[in-house]
Protein backbone atom coordinates (compact mmCIF):
# COMPACT_ATOMS: atom_id res chain seq x y z
CA UNK A 1 130.79 62.75 120.29
CA UNK A 2 129.07 65.28 117.96
CA UNK A 3 126.92 67.95 119.11
CA UNK A 4 123.93 68.02 117.10
CA UNK A 5 122.21 71.13 116.17
CA UNK A 6 118.19 71.29 115.74
CA UNK A 7 117.02 70.89 111.43
CA UNK A 8 113.48 72.69 111.37
CA UNK A 9 112.38 72.16 108.29
CA UNK A 10 110.06 75.84 107.65
CA UNK A 11 108.19 76.84 104.06
CA UNK A 12 109.92 79.01 101.95
CA UNK A 13 107.28 81.45 102.53
CA UNK A 14 107.44 81.33 106.08
CA UNK A 15 111.29 81.99 106.03
CA UNK A 16 110.48 85.04 103.68
CA UNK A 17 108.57 86.60 105.79
CA UNK A 18 110.51 85.90 109.04
CA UNK A 19 113.81 87.61 107.24
CA UNK A 20 112.31 89.62 104.42
CA UNK A 21 108.64 90.89 104.69
CA UNK A 22 109.30 94.15 106.65
CA UNK A 23 112.18 95.58 105.58
CA UNK A 24 111.13 95.13 101.48
CA UNK A 25 107.93 96.36 102.95
CA UNK A 26 110.13 99.75 104.90
CA UNK A 27 111.93 100.20 101.65
CA UNK A 28 109.39 100.15 99.17
CA UNK A 29 107.49 102.97 101.33
CA UNK A 30 111.18 105.12 101.29
CA UNK A 31 111.05 104.35 97.85
CA UNK A 32 107.66 105.99 97.31
CA UNK A 33 107.77 108.49 99.85
CA UNK A 34 111.49 110.21 98.52
CA UNK A 35 111.50 113.93 99.19
CA UNK A 36 114.84 114.36 99.66
CA UNK A 37 118.22 112.37 100.01
CA UNK A 38 119.30 109.92 103.10
CA UNK A 39 122.53 109.47 104.33
CA UNK A 40 124.62 106.51 103.36
CA UNK A 41 123.93 105.86 107.34
CA UNK A 42 120.15 105.18 106.59
CA UNK A 43 121.05 103.65 103.39
CA UNK A 44 123.03 100.77 104.80
CA UNK A 45 120.29 99.43 107.41
CA UNK A 46 117.18 99.43 104.46
CA UNK A 47 119.53 97.86 102.03
CA UNK A 48 121.14 95.70 104.97
CA UNK A 49 124.49 97.10 104.28
CA UNK A 50 127.93 98.01 105.50
CA UNK A 51 127.78 102.28 105.66
CA UNK A 52 131.24 101.81 104.01
CA UNK A 53 130.05 99.60 101.32
CA UNK A 54 127.69 102.58 100.84
CA UNK A 55 130.01 104.95 100.78
CA UNK A 56 132.48 102.86 98.29
CA UNK A 57 129.36 102.06 95.89
CA UNK A 58 128.98 105.92 95.95
CA UNK A 59 132.49 106.77 95.29
CA UNK A 60 131.95 104.00 91.94
CA UNK A 61 129.17 105.43 90.55
CA UNK A 62 129.99 109.05 90.74
CA UNK A 63 126.97 109.95 94.04
CA UNK A 64 127.36 112.90 95.75
CA UNK A 65 123.95 112.52 96.96
CA UNK A 66 121.91 109.51 97.53
CA UNK A 67 117.90 110.31 96.38
CA UNK A 68 115.52 107.68 94.49
CA UNK A 69 117.56 106.79 91.90
CA UNK A 70 120.93 106.61 93.63
CA UNK A 71 119.30 104.59 96.11
CA UNK A 72 118.60 102.14 93.48
CA UNK A 73 121.54 102.35 91.78
CA UNK A 74 123.43 101.08 95.63
CA UNK A 75 120.84 98.46 95.78
CA UNK A 76 122.06 97.19 92.58
CA UNK A 77 125.02 97.18 93.09
CA UNK A 78 125.28 95.93 97.45
CA UNK A 79 126.31 92.71 98.07
CA UNK A 80 123.65 91.80 101.08
CA UNK A 81 121.13 89.21 100.97
CA UNK A 82 118.10 91.91 100.16
CA UNK A 83 119.78 93.40 97.67
CA UNK A 84 120.88 90.31 95.83
CA UNK A 85 116.90 89.02 95.92
CA UNK A 86 115.75 93.19 94.78
CA UNK A 87 119.07 92.46 91.86
CA UNK A 88 117.42 89.53 90.49
CA UNK A 89 113.55 90.60 90.46
CA UNK A 90 114.71 93.54 88.72
CA UNK A 91 116.87 90.81 86.34
CA UNK A 92 113.86 89.41 85.33
CA UNK A 93 111.57 92.76 84.69
CA UNK A 94 109.03 92.04 87.81
CA UNK A 95 106.90 90.26 85.36
CA UNK A 96 103.13 89.87 85.77
CA UNK A 97 103.39 86.06 85.77
CA UNK A 98 106.39 84.43 86.09
CA UNK A 99 107.70 80.66 85.24
CA UNK A 100 109.01 78.28 88.06
CA UNK A 101 112.63 79.19 86.83
CA UNK A 102 112.19 82.56 87.66
CA UNK A 103 110.93 81.85 90.54
CA UNK A 104 113.17 80.06 91.44
CA UNK A 105 116.28 82.46 90.55
CA UNK A 106 114.49 85.43 92.03
CA UNK A 107 114.57 83.56 95.69
CA UNK A 108 117.64 81.18 95.22
CA UNK A 109 116.07 77.89 95.10
CA UNK A 110 116.77 75.08 93.76
CA UNK A 111 114.69 74.75 90.30
CA UNK A 112 113.91 71.27 90.66
CA UNK A 113 111.37 71.86 93.43
CA UNK A 114 110.05 75.23 92.04
CA UNK A 115 109.15 73.06 88.90
CA UNK A 116 107.69 70.54 90.65
CA UNK A 117 105.14 72.29 93.18
CA UNK A 118 104.02 74.37 89.97
CA UNK A 119 103.22 70.95 88.66
CA UNK A 120 100.98 70.51 91.39
CA UNK A 121 99.47 73.52 90.97
CA UNK A 122 99.01 72.53 86.95
CA UNK A 123 101.20 76.36 86.51
CA UNK A 124 103.38 77.21 83.91
CA UNK A 125 103.39 80.47 84.21
CA UNK A 126 102.36 82.02 88.26
CA UNK A 127 100.79 85.82 88.87
CA UNK A 128 101.89 87.47 90.72
CA UNK A 129 99.75 87.39 93.35
CA UNK A 130 99.63 83.30 94.00
CA UNK A 131 104.27 83.46 93.90
CA UNK A 132 102.94 83.32 98.06
CA UNK A 133 101.46 80.01 97.22
CA UNK A 134 104.02 78.26 95.54
CA UNK A 135 106.67 79.61 98.44
CA UNK A 136 104.73 78.37 100.94
CA UNK A 137 104.64 74.67 99.52
CA UNK A 138 108.96 74.95 98.85
CA UNK A 139 110.48 73.08 102.07
CA UNK A 140 113.52 74.65 103.51
CA UNK A 141 116.09 73.29 105.97
CA UNK A 142 117.36 75.27 108.27
CA UNK A 143 120.52 74.02 110.92
CA UNK A 144 119.87 76.50 114.48
CA UNK A 145 122.97 75.71 116.88
CA UNK A 146 122.71 74.28 119.60
């Protein structure tokens, strides 16, 4: 007999709040208050990377110490979920108004679902302040181990 793991349906906004909101706030605070260099271990914690990965990125990019610009450089080369989210945001140029396809790309969602929600709201362009409203109407399924 197969062991069924429970499947839970939640809004992507709820998922985002649970998994990304706090780390992004911490990264934002670090970026705004950078005074002294941070260690590779600290950068790894903030960016949810292995410390060895940070050292590898530093070596490849000739980074000697991690200040604001270097922290951003490490983030742009990191392979964690939080780094990839920020990389996709940067690739879109952090616009004031997002297209449904940009929202889908940044958050790694199926474009057809995001486009459908935007159509419901009559939006072809979503102001940054309203992106949470759209993400709250896109639902994802999570498989939780039994």
